[in-house]
Amino acid sequence: MIQELSFSDPDFDTKLNKLLNRHVELDSQIDKIAFDIVRRVRTEGDAALLEYTRRFDQVEAEDISELELPTAEIRRIGATVDGELTNALEIAARRIREFHSREVARSWNFTEQDGTVLGQKITPMKRVGIYVPGGKAAYPSSVLMTAIPAKVAGVSEIVMTVPTPAGQINPTVIAAAGICGVDRIFTVGGAQAVSAMAYGTQTVPRVDTIVGPGNAYVAAAKKMVFGDVGIDMIAGPSEVLVICDDSANPDWVTMDLFAQAEHDELSQSIAVTDSPAQVERIKASVAKLLPQMERRDIIEKSLKDNGAIILVDNLSEAVRISDRVAPEHLELMVEDADTLIDQVHNAGAIFAGKYSAEALGDYCAGPNHVLPTSGTARFSSPLGVYDFQKRSSIVRVSEQGAREMAEVAGLLAASEGLTAHEKSARYRNGTFR
């Protein structure tokens, strides 16, 4: 069901590398289709967008205007959502907003002795696009996690695209958009929605950056448009690594593994423990709880293909393995989680203590659930307010500062053979006339 590894095994490194080498093979056909879609929408605009929406989503719209939800329609659809669920969305939104409000960067400057002023000007992006999956795979939580930090950053306009296969609109997604203050919603999806937001059409406005999850075609399109527009990241399958000691409830550990595994067969769920007895408890818990799961087949395949229980000699070894994996989600179900937190270098999000279920972070704890995957936590961070703010350097050199710096800059420019640079600098101190 789920493979066991031991850190003391001579071939442990080989087995771990094989476990982690789960990247989906590049599909040239997907890239080709996505490229053609992106190119056509970029050059033909609304006409191509309408054609692809008819073809892929079976939405028989006669005019592009039918693919935008008017403000009154957004309110009407949102009002159909159960009151208890709406309240849950509002509570989650408040918590997410409170967390991200602490991330806001402010402009700053300082003055040197000679009067030179240096600093940074922080400016929010003007328009941001968020991509939200639609139909059966609809995630209102993704609306909250992408739109709220953008609003907190001060973004003026948020454009949301969400596909509606066969005209199927998910009311909870629309309710979430209303709560977040999304400005415009277009019922389009796929690579065509990414291209429309990246380059603009006659109706869909061009945005500064695109964030949010999507299928393989969306991911391919995001890679193609990056550089012409910003993107958050190219997300891979979801993953969790749970470090647990003898104090952890094995049923809790197991259910947290299941929670990731149920996303899809490519998800990865790993438990690392220093207790041989805990290994047996988790295995027994998997056997006991799996038959109760509605998504049993998906969980079972995910655990079989990509899951593992790893036995280590001590928890420091567990952290070293975790840093190698650089997981999207790291749970520390141990008695002294704070000590381990200090040792962790690579993780998208750290859930410390037995009550900190990763599922709480997915929905309402407050920190963002858009996280680096596939080992990219080694160099990437969660989505945040900083992804929607730009930094411009401020340089206001005084007369005295120019005289002093011109000599330094002149010498460095001359050493690089850039004589115009040298003269430009030296003009400020009278060396060149």
Protein backbone atom coordinates (compact mmCIF):
# COMPACT_ATOMS: atom_id res chain seq x y z
CA MET A 1 0.00 0.00 0.00
CA ILE A 2 2.60 2.59 1.11
CA GLN A 3 6.30 1.90 0.90
CA GLU A 4 8.62 1.97 3.89
CA LEU A 5 12.11 3.43 3.83
CA SER A 6 14.79 3.52 6.49
CA PHE A 7 17.46 6.20 6.70
CA SER A 8 19.95 3.56 7.81
CA ASP A 9 19.54 1.46 4.65
CA PRO A 10 22.62 1.57 2.38
CA ASP A 11 20.46 2.36 -0.64
CA PHE A 12 18.29 4.97 1.10
CA ASP A 13 19.48 7.85 -1.10
CA THR A 14 18.69 5.92 -4.27
CA LYS A 15 15.21 5.05 -3.04
CA LEU A 16 14.49 8.60 -1.88
CA ASN A 17 15.64 10.07 -5.18
CA LYS A 18 13.36 7.67 -7.05
CA LEU A 19 10.46 8.67 -4.79
CA LEU A 20 11.06 12.36 -5.43
CA ASN A 21 11.57 12.00 -9.17
CA ARG A 22 7.88 12.26 -9.93
CA HIS A 23 7.87 15.22 -12.30
CA VAL A 24 5.28 14.82 -15.01
CA GLU A 25 6.99 14.21 -18.32
CA LEU A 26 6.85 17.18 -20.65
CA ASP A 27 4.05 16.68 -23.13
CA SER A 28 4.99 18.29 -26.42
CA GLN A 29 1.42 17.90 -27.67
CA ILE A 30 0.05 19.93 -24.76
CA ASP A 31 2.68 22.61 -25.38
CA LYS A 32 1.84 22.73 -29.08
CA ILE A 33 -1.89 23.06 -28.47
CA ALA A 34 -1.34 25.71 -25.82
CA PHE A 35 1.02 27.64 -28.10
CA ASP A 36 -1.51 27.69 -30.92
CA ILE A 37 -4.26 28.86 -28.55
CA VAL A 38 -2.10 31.59 -27.02
CA ARG A 39 -1.01 32.81 -30.47
CA ARG A 40 -4.51 32.91 -31.90
CA VAL A 41 -6.05 34.74 -28.94
CA ARG A 42 -3.16 37.19 -28.97
CA THR A 43 -3.65 37.99 -32.66
CA GLU A 44 -7.41 37.53 -33.10
CA GLY A 45 -8.69 38.64 -29.71
CA ASP A 46 -12.36 38.20 -28.84
CA ALA A 47 -13.17 36.12 -31.92
CA ALA A 48 -10.67 33.40 -30.99
CA LEU A 49 -11.64 33.56 -27.32
CA LEU A 50 -15.28 33.04 -28.20
CA GLU A 51 -14.48 30.19 -30.58
CA TYR A 52 -12.37 28.31 -28.01
CA THR A 53 -14.99 28.77 -25.32
CA ARG A 54 -17.62 27.25 -27.59
CA ARG A 55 -15.31 24.37 -28.52
CA PHE A 56 -13.86 23.44 -25.14
CA ASP A 57 -16.61 24.45 -22.71
CA GLN A 58 -19.63 23.82 -24.93
CA VAL A 59 -20.93 27.31 -24.15
CA GLU A 60 -22.97 28.49 -27.15
CA ALA A 61 -22.44 32.21 -26.68
CA GLU A 62 -23.25 34.37 -29.69
CA ASP A 63 -21.34 37.40 -28.49
CA ILE A 64 -18.32 37.97 -26.26
CA SER A 65 -20.43 40.13 -23.95
CA GLU A 66 -22.24 36.98 -22.85
CA LEU A 67 -19.01 35.73 -21.29
CA GLU A 68 -18.78 38.53 -18.73
CA LEU A 69 -20.90 38.42 -15.58
CA PRO A 70 -22.52 41.81 -14.85
CA THR A 71 -22.25 43.11 -11.29
CA ALA A 72 -25.95 42.48 -10.66
CA GLU A 73 -25.56 38.86 -11.81
CA ILE A 74 -22.57 38.37 -9.50
CA ARG A 75 -24.68 39.56 -6.58
CA ARG A 76 -27.63 37.40 -7.60
CA ILE A 77 -25.56 34.24 -7.93
CA GLY A 78 -23.72 34.92 -4.67
CA ALA A 79 -27.03 35.34 -2.86
CA THR A 80 -28.06 31.78 -3.78
CA VAL A 81 -25.28 30.30 -1.63
CA ASP A 82 -26.30 28.82 1.72
CA GLY A 83 -25.98 31.36 4.53
CA GLU A 84 -23.79 29.14 6.69
CA LEU A 85 -21.37 28.60 3.81
CA THR A 86 -21.35 32.33 3.03
CA ASN A 87 -20.51 33.02 6.66
CA ALA A 88 -17.64 30.54 6.48
CA LEU A 89 -16.30 32.32 3.39
CA GLU A 90 -16.50 35.66 5.17
CA ILE A 91 -14.70 34.35 8.26
CA ALA A 92 -11.97 32.83 6.10
CA ALA A 93 -11.67 36.07 4.12
CA ARG A 94 -11.28 38.09 7.31
CA ARG A 95 -8.53 35.82 8.63
CA ILE A 96 -6.67 35.83 5.29
CA ARG A 97 -6.97 39.62 5.08
CA GLU A 98 -5.67 40.08 8.63
CA PHE A 99 -2.64 37.91 7.94
CA HIS A 100 -1.72 39.55 4.65
CA SER A 101 -2.16 43.07 6.02
CA ARG A 102 1.08 42.46 7.93
CA GLU A 103 2.98 41.83 4.68
CA VAL A 104 2.43 45.26 3.15
CA ALA A 105 5.72 46.95 2.26
CA ARG A 106 6.03 50.73 2.69
CA SER A 107 8.14 53.23 0.81
CA TRP A 108 11.27 54.30 2.66
CA ASN A 109 14.35 56.47 2.31
CA PHE A 110 17.36 57.67 4.24
CA THR A 111 19.64 60.71 3.94
CA GLU A 112 23.41 60.43 3.91
CA GLN A 113 25.70 63.00 5.54
CA ASP A 114 26.32 64.81 2.27
CA GLY A 115 22.58 65.22 1.65
CA THR A 116 22.17 62.36 -0.84
CA VAL A 117 18.80 60.65 -0.46
CA LEU A 118 18.39 56.94 -1.26
CA GLY A 119 15.32 54.76 -0.88
CA GLN A 120 12.57 52.68 -2.40
CA LYS A 121 9.16 53.61 -3.72
CA ILE A 122 6.59 50.84 -3.28
CA THR A 123 3.81 50.81 -5.88
CA PRO A 124 0.93 48.35 -6.24
CA MET A 125 0.23 46.85 -9.64
CA LYS A 126 -2.70 48.45 -11.43
CA ARG A 127 -4.49 45.38 -12.77
CA VAL A 128 -4.14 41.71 -11.79
CA GLY A 129 -5.65 38.59 -13.36
CA ILE A 130 -6.65 35.57 -11.29
CA TYR A 131 -7.35 32.21 -12.87
CA VAL A 132 -9.84 29.99 -11.04
CA PRO A 133 -10.68 26.41 -12.08
CA GLY A 134 -14.37 25.88 -12.83
CA GLY A 135 -16.94 23.13 -13.16
CA LYS A 136 -16.49 20.16 -10.84
CA ALA A 137 -12.94 21.17 -9.89
CA ALA A 138 -14.01 24.52 -8.47
CA TYR A 139 -12.12 26.03 -5.56
CA PRO A 140 -13.63 29.11 -3.90
CA SER A 141 -10.72 29.02 -1.45
CA SER A 142 -8.38 29.82 -4.37
CA VAL A 143 -10.40 32.97 -5.06
CA LEU A 144 -9.86 34.12 -1.47
CA MET A 145 -6.15 33.28 -1.51
CA THR A 146 -5.40 35.10 -4.77
CA ALA A 147 -7.74 38.10 -4.69
CA ILE A 148 -7.35 39.16 -1.06
CA PRO A 149 -3.56 39.76 -1.01
CA ALA A 150 -3.93 41.68 -4.29
CA LYS A 151 -6.56 43.93 -2.73
CA VAL A 152 -4.48 44.37 0.42
CA ALA A 153 -1.54 45.38 -1.78
CA GLY A 154 -3.68 48.16 -3.26
CA VAL A 155 -4.28 46.70 -6.72
CA SER A 156 -6.83 48.91 -8.49
CA GLU A 157 -8.59 46.23 -10.56
CA ILE A 158 -8.86 42.44 -10.32
CA VAL A 159 -9.97 40.49 -13.39
CA MET A 160 -11.06 36.90 -12.78
CA THR A 161 -11.49 34.16 -15.36
CA VAL A 162 -13.35 30.96 -14.51
CA PRO A 163 -14.50 28.35 -17.03
CA THR A 164 -18.13 27.21 -16.93
CA PRO A 165 -18.26 23.84 -18.73
CA ALA A 166 -21.66 23.40 -20.40
CA GLY A 167 -22.68 26.67 -18.76
CA GLN A 168 -22.20 25.26 -15.25
CA ILE A 169 -21.45 28.11 -12.85
CA ASN A 170 -20.25 27.33 -9.33
CA PRO A 171 -22.17 29.76 -7.09
CA THR A 172 -19.68 29.46 -4.21
CA VAL A 173 -16.82 30.61 -6.45
CA ILE A 174 -18.86 33.64 -7.52
CA ALA A 175 -19.84 34.36 -3.90
CA ALA A 176 -16.17 34.27 -2.92
CA ALA A 177 -15.33 36.69 -5.73
CA GLY A 178 -18.02 39.06 -4.48
CA ILE A 179 -16.70 38.91 -0.93
CA CYS A 180 -13.16 39.65 -2.14
CA GLY A 181 -14.21 42.60 -4.29
CA VAL A 182 -13.23 41.11 -7.67
CA ASP A 183 -14.00 43.78 -10.26
CA ARG A 184 -14.69 41.80 -13.45
CA ILE A 185 -15.47 38.12 -14.03
CA PHE A 186 -15.20 36.40 -17.41
CA THR A 187 -16.54 32.87 -17.84
CA VAL A 188 -13.62 31.63 -19.90
CA GLY A 189 -10.87 29.18 -19.06
CA GLY A 190 -7.89 27.25 -20.30
CA ALA A 191 -4.90 28.58 -22.22
CA GLN A 192 -7.26 30.99 -23.99
CA ALA A 193 -8.09 32.77 -20.72
CA VAL A 194 -4.39 33.09 -19.87
CA SER A 195 -3.62 34.58 -23.29
CA ALA A 196 -6.57 36.97 -23.06
CA MET A 197 -5.37 38.33 -19.72
CA ALA A 198 -1.72 38.40 -20.77
CA TYR A 199 -2.21 40.35 -24.02
CA GLY A 200 -5.71 41.75 -23.76
CA THR A 201 -8.52 41.45 -26.28
CA GLN A 202 -11.14 43.92 -27.47
CA THR A 203 -13.08 43.09 -24.26
CA VAL A 204 -10.75 41.44 -21.74
CA PRO A 205 -8.24 43.97 -20.40
CA ARG A 206 -4.52 43.24 -20.30
CA VAL A 207 -3.24 42.60 -16.77
CA ASP A 208 0.16 43.06 -15.12
CA THR A 209 0.41 39.61 -13.56
CA ILE A 210 -1.57 36.34 -13.60
CA VAL A 211 -1.97 34.12 -10.53
CA GLY A 212 -3.91 31.00 -9.68
CA PRO A 213 -3.90 27.25 -10.36
CA GLY A 214 -5.03 25.46 -13.51
CA ASN A 215 -4.65 22.32 -15.59
CA ALA A 216 -1.71 21.32 -17.80
CA TYR A 217 -2.80 23.67 -20.61
CA VAL A 218 -3.07 26.60 -18.20
CA ALA A 219 0.39 25.82 -16.81
CA ALA A 220 1.84 25.59 -20.31
CA ALA A 221 0.25 28.90 -21.29
CA LYS A 222 1.54 30.63 -18.16
CA LYS A 223 5.08 29.54 -19.03
CA MET A 224 4.63 30.92 -22.56
CA VAL A 225 3.35 34.35 -21.56
CA PHE A 226 5.83 34.87 -18.71
CA GLY A 227 8.01 37.83 -19.57
CA ASP A 228 5.18 39.65 -21.31
CA VAL A 229 3.26 39.44 -18.04
CA GLY A 230 4.14 38.31 -14.54
CA ILE A 231 3.03 34.96 -13.12
CA ASP A 232 2.98 33.54 -9.63
CA MET A 233 4.50 30.09 -10.27
CA ILE A 234 4.10 26.87 -12.24
CA ALA A 235 2.46 24.63 -9.67
CA GLY A 236 2.98 20.89 -9.61
CA PRO A 237 1.03 18.18 -7.77
CA SER A 238 0.22 18.84 -4.12
CA GLU A 239 2.47 17.44 -1.41
CA VAL A 240 2.83 17.08 2.36
CA LEU A 241 5.58 15.79 4.60
CA VAL A 242 4.65 14.97 8.21
CA ILE A 243 7.40 14.65 10.82
CA CYS A 244 5.97 12.80 13.80
CA ASP A 245 7.27 11.29 17.03
CA ASP A 246 5.74 8.78 19.43
CA SER A 247 3.36 11.41 20.82
CA ALA A 248 1.49 11.86 17.51
CA ASN A 249 -1.95 10.30 17.06
CA PRO A 250 -1.48 7.88 14.13
CA ASP A 251 -5.05 8.45 12.91
CA TRP A 252 -4.38 12.18 12.72
CA VAL A 253 -1.13 11.60 10.82
CA THR A 254 -2.87 9.21 8.43
CA MET A 255 -5.79 11.53 7.72
CA ASP A 256 -3.39 14.38 6.99
CA LEU A 257 -1.62 12.12 4.49
CA PHE A 258 -4.99 11.23 2.96
CA ALA A 259 -5.95 14.92 2.72
CA GLN A 260 -3.10 15.52 0.27
CA ALA A 261 -3.40 12.20 -1.52
CA GLU A 262 -7.05 12.80 -2.41
CA HIS A 263 -6.18 15.75 -4.67
CA ASP A 264 -5.01 13.43 -7.44
CA GLU A 265 -2.91 10.35 -8.10
CA LEU A 266 0.25 12.45 -8.55
CA SER A 267 0.03 14.01 -5.07
CA GLN A 268 2.72 13.05 -2.60
CA SER A 269 2.25 12.22 1.09
CA ILE A 270 5.29 11.31 3.22
CA ALA A 271 5.53 10.57 6.94
CA VAL A 272 8.91 10.67 8.68
CA THR A 273 9.27 9.32 12.23
CA ASP A 274 11.95 8.29 14.69
CA SER A 275 9.69 5.62 16.19
CA PRO A 276 9.52 2.06 14.78
CA ALA A 277 6.30 1.58 16.74
CA GLN A 278 4.80 4.67 15.06
CA VAL A 279 5.56 3.19 11.65
CA GLU A 280 3.41 0.19 12.49
CA ARG A 281 0.64 2.35 13.96
CA ILE A 282 0.46 4.49 10.81
CA LYS A 283 0.33 1.41 8.58
CA ALA A 284 -2.49 -0.02 10.69
CA SER A 285 -4.31 3.32 10.58
CA VAL A 286 -4.02 3.47 6.78
CA ALA A 287 -5.56 0.00 6.51
CA LYS A 288 -8.33 0.94 8.95
CA LEU A 289 -9.29 4.36 7.55
CA LEU A 290 -8.81 3.94 3.80
CA PRO A 291 -12.03 1.93 3.22
CA GLN A 292 -14.00 4.86 4.70
CA MET A 293 -12.72 7.40 2.19
CA GLU A 294 -14.99 8.60 -0.62
CA ARG A 295 -11.96 9.18 -2.85
CA ARG A 296 -10.39 5.86 -1.87
CA ASP A 297 -9.14 4.90 -5.34
CA ILE A 298 -7.30 8.19 -5.82
CA ILE A 299 -5.79 8.07 -2.31
CA GLU A 300 -4.72 4.46 -2.71
CA LYS A 301 -2.93 5.06 -6.01
CA SER A 302 -1.31 8.26 -4.75
CA LEU A 303 0.06 6.52 -1.65
CA LYS A 304 1.21 3.48 -3.61
CA ASP A 305 2.99 5.44 -6.34
CA ASN A 306 4.25 8.50 -4.45
CA GLY A 307 3.79 7.97 -0.71
CA ALA A 308 6.21 6.68 1.93
CA ILE A 309 6.80 6.17 5.62
CA ILE A 310 10.43 6.89 6.46
CA LEU A 311 12.11 5.69 9.66
CA VAL A 312 14.99 7.80 11.00
CA ASP A 313 17.24 7.58 14.05
CA ASN A 314 16.32 11.03 15.37
CA LEU A 315 14.24 14.08 14.50
CA SER A 316 17.24 16.09 13.28
CA GLU A 317 17.64 13.47 10.56
CA ALA A 318 13.94 13.92 9.80
CA VAL A 319 14.46 17.65 9.25
CA ARG A 320 17.45 17.01 6.96
CA ILE A 321 15.30 14.70 4.84
CA SER A 322 12.51 17.28 4.79
CA ASP A 323 14.93 19.96 3.60
CA ARG A 324 15.96 17.64 0.77
CA VAL A 325 12.33 17.20 -0.22
CA ALA A 326 11.55 20.93 0.27
CA PRO A 327 7.84 20.12 0.64
CA GLU A 328 4.94 22.37 -0.18
CA HIS A 329 3.46 21.60 3.26
CA LEU A 330 5.50 20.50 6.29
CA GLU A 331 3.73 19.30 9.43
CA LEU A 332 5.60 18.97 12.72
CA MET A 333 3.50 16.62 14.84
CA VAL A 334 6.04 16.38 17.66
CA GLU A 335 6.19 17.40 21.31
CA ASP A 336 8.73 20.19 20.75
CA ALA A 337 7.82 21.68 17.39
CA ASP A 338 9.51 25.03 18.06
CA THR A 339 12.96 23.43 18.25
CA LEU A 340 12.44 21.79 14.87
CA ILE A 341 11.13 24.99 13.26
CA ASP A 342 14.50 26.61 13.91
CA GLN A 343 16.21 23.78 11.99
CA VAL A 344 13.95 23.92 8.89
CA HIS A 345 15.28 25.70 5.81
CA ASN A 346 13.06 24.53 2.93
CA ALA A 347 9.27 24.42 3.20
CA GLY A 348 6.40 26.30 1.60
CA ALA A 349 4.42 26.37 4.84
CA ILE A 350 5.19 24.92 8.28
CA PHE A 351 2.36 23.57 10.44
CA ALA A 352 3.64 23.25 13.99
CA GLY A 353 1.97 21.07 16.61
CA LYS A 354 -0.65 18.35 16.56
CA TYR A 355 -3.61 20.71 16.15
CA SER A 356 -2.17 22.44 13.08
CA ALA A 357 -3.81 20.37 10.36
CA GLU A 358 -2.67 21.39 6.90
CA ALA A 359 -6.32 21.42 5.84
CA LEU A 360 -6.87 24.43 8.11
CA GLY A 361 -4.20 26.25 6.14
CA ASP A 362 -5.94 25.38 2.89
CA TYR A 363 -9.03 27.31 3.89
CA CYS A 364 -8.98 29.67 6.79
CA ALA A 365 -5.88 29.78 9.03
CA GLY A 366 -4.75 32.99 7.30
CA PRO A 367 -1.44 32.36 5.47
CA ASN A 368 -1.69 31.75 1.74
CA HIS A 369 -2.26 28.28 0.33
CA VAL A 370 -0.64 29.11 -3.01
CA LEU A 371 2.74 27.53 -2.26
CA PRO A 372 5.88 26.36 -4.07
CA THR A 373 5.81 22.68 -5.08
CA SER A 374 8.14 20.08 -6.57
CA GLY A 375 11.11 21.14 -4.46
CA THR A 376 10.91 24.81 -5.44
CA ALA A 377 10.54 25.80 -1.78
CA ARG A 378 14.35 25.79 -1.91
CA PHE A 379 14.14 29.18 -3.63
CA SER A 380 10.48 30.24 -3.74
CA SER A 381 7.94 31.58 -1.27
CA PRO A 382 4.16 31.53 -0.76
CA LEU A 383 1.99 33.94 -2.72
CA GLY A 384 1.67 37.19 -0.81
CA VAL A 385 1.11 40.92 -0.93
CA TYR A 386 4.70 41.34 -2.15
CA ASP A 387 3.74 39.57 -5.40
CA PHE A 388 1.43 42.48 -6.20
CA GLN A 389 3.77 45.32 -5.26
CA LYS A 390 6.67 46.72 -7.25
CA ARG A 391 9.81 48.37 -5.89
CA SER A 392 11.42 51.36 -7.59
CA SER A 393 14.77 52.61 -6.35
CA ILE A 394 15.00 56.32 -5.47
CA VAL A 395 18.31 58.09 -6.06
CA ARG A 396 18.63 61.84 -5.30
CA VAL A 397 22.34 62.68 -5.28
CA SER A 398 23.51 65.92 -3.68
CA GLU A 399 26.19 68.15 -5.24
CA GLN A 400 28.74 67.01 -2.67
CA GLY A 401 27.74 63.37 -3.14
CA ALA A 402 28.14 63.68 -6.91
CA ARG A 403 31.67 65.04 -6.53
CA GLU A 404 32.66 62.08 -4.33
CA MET A 405 30.86 59.32 -6.23
CA ALA A 406 31.88 60.59 -9.70
CA GLU A 407 35.49 59.59 -9.09
CA VAL A 408 34.51 56.06 -8.00
CA ALA A 409 32.02 55.60 -10.84
CA GLY A 410 34.47 57.08 -13.36
CA LEU A 411 37.24 54.67 -12.42
CA LEU A 412 34.89 51.66 -12.55
CA ALA A 413 33.38 52.74 -15.89
CA ALA A 414 36.83 53.26 -17.41
CA SER A 415 37.87 49.78 -16.25
CA GLU A 416 34.90 48.37 -18.18
CA GLY A 417 35.69 50.37 -21.30
CA LEU A 418 32.46 52.38 -21.07
CA THR A 419 33.80 55.87 -21.68
CA ALA A 420 30.39 57.54 -22.03
CA HIS A 421 29.55 56.24 -18.56
CA GLU A 422 32.84 57.61 -17.29
CA LYS A 423 32.24 61.04 -18.77
CA SER A 424 28.61 61.12 -17.61
CA ALA A 425 29.80 60.55 -14.05
CA ARG A 426 32.80 62.88 -14.20
CA TYR A 427 30.77 65.76 -15.67
CA ARG A 428 29.20 65.94 -12.19
CA ASN A 429 32.52 66.81 -10.52
CA GLY A 430 34.05 68.95 -13.25
CA THR A 431 36.66 66.44 -14.43
CA PHE A 432 35.24 66.50 -17.96
CA ARG A 433 33.89 69.63 -19.65
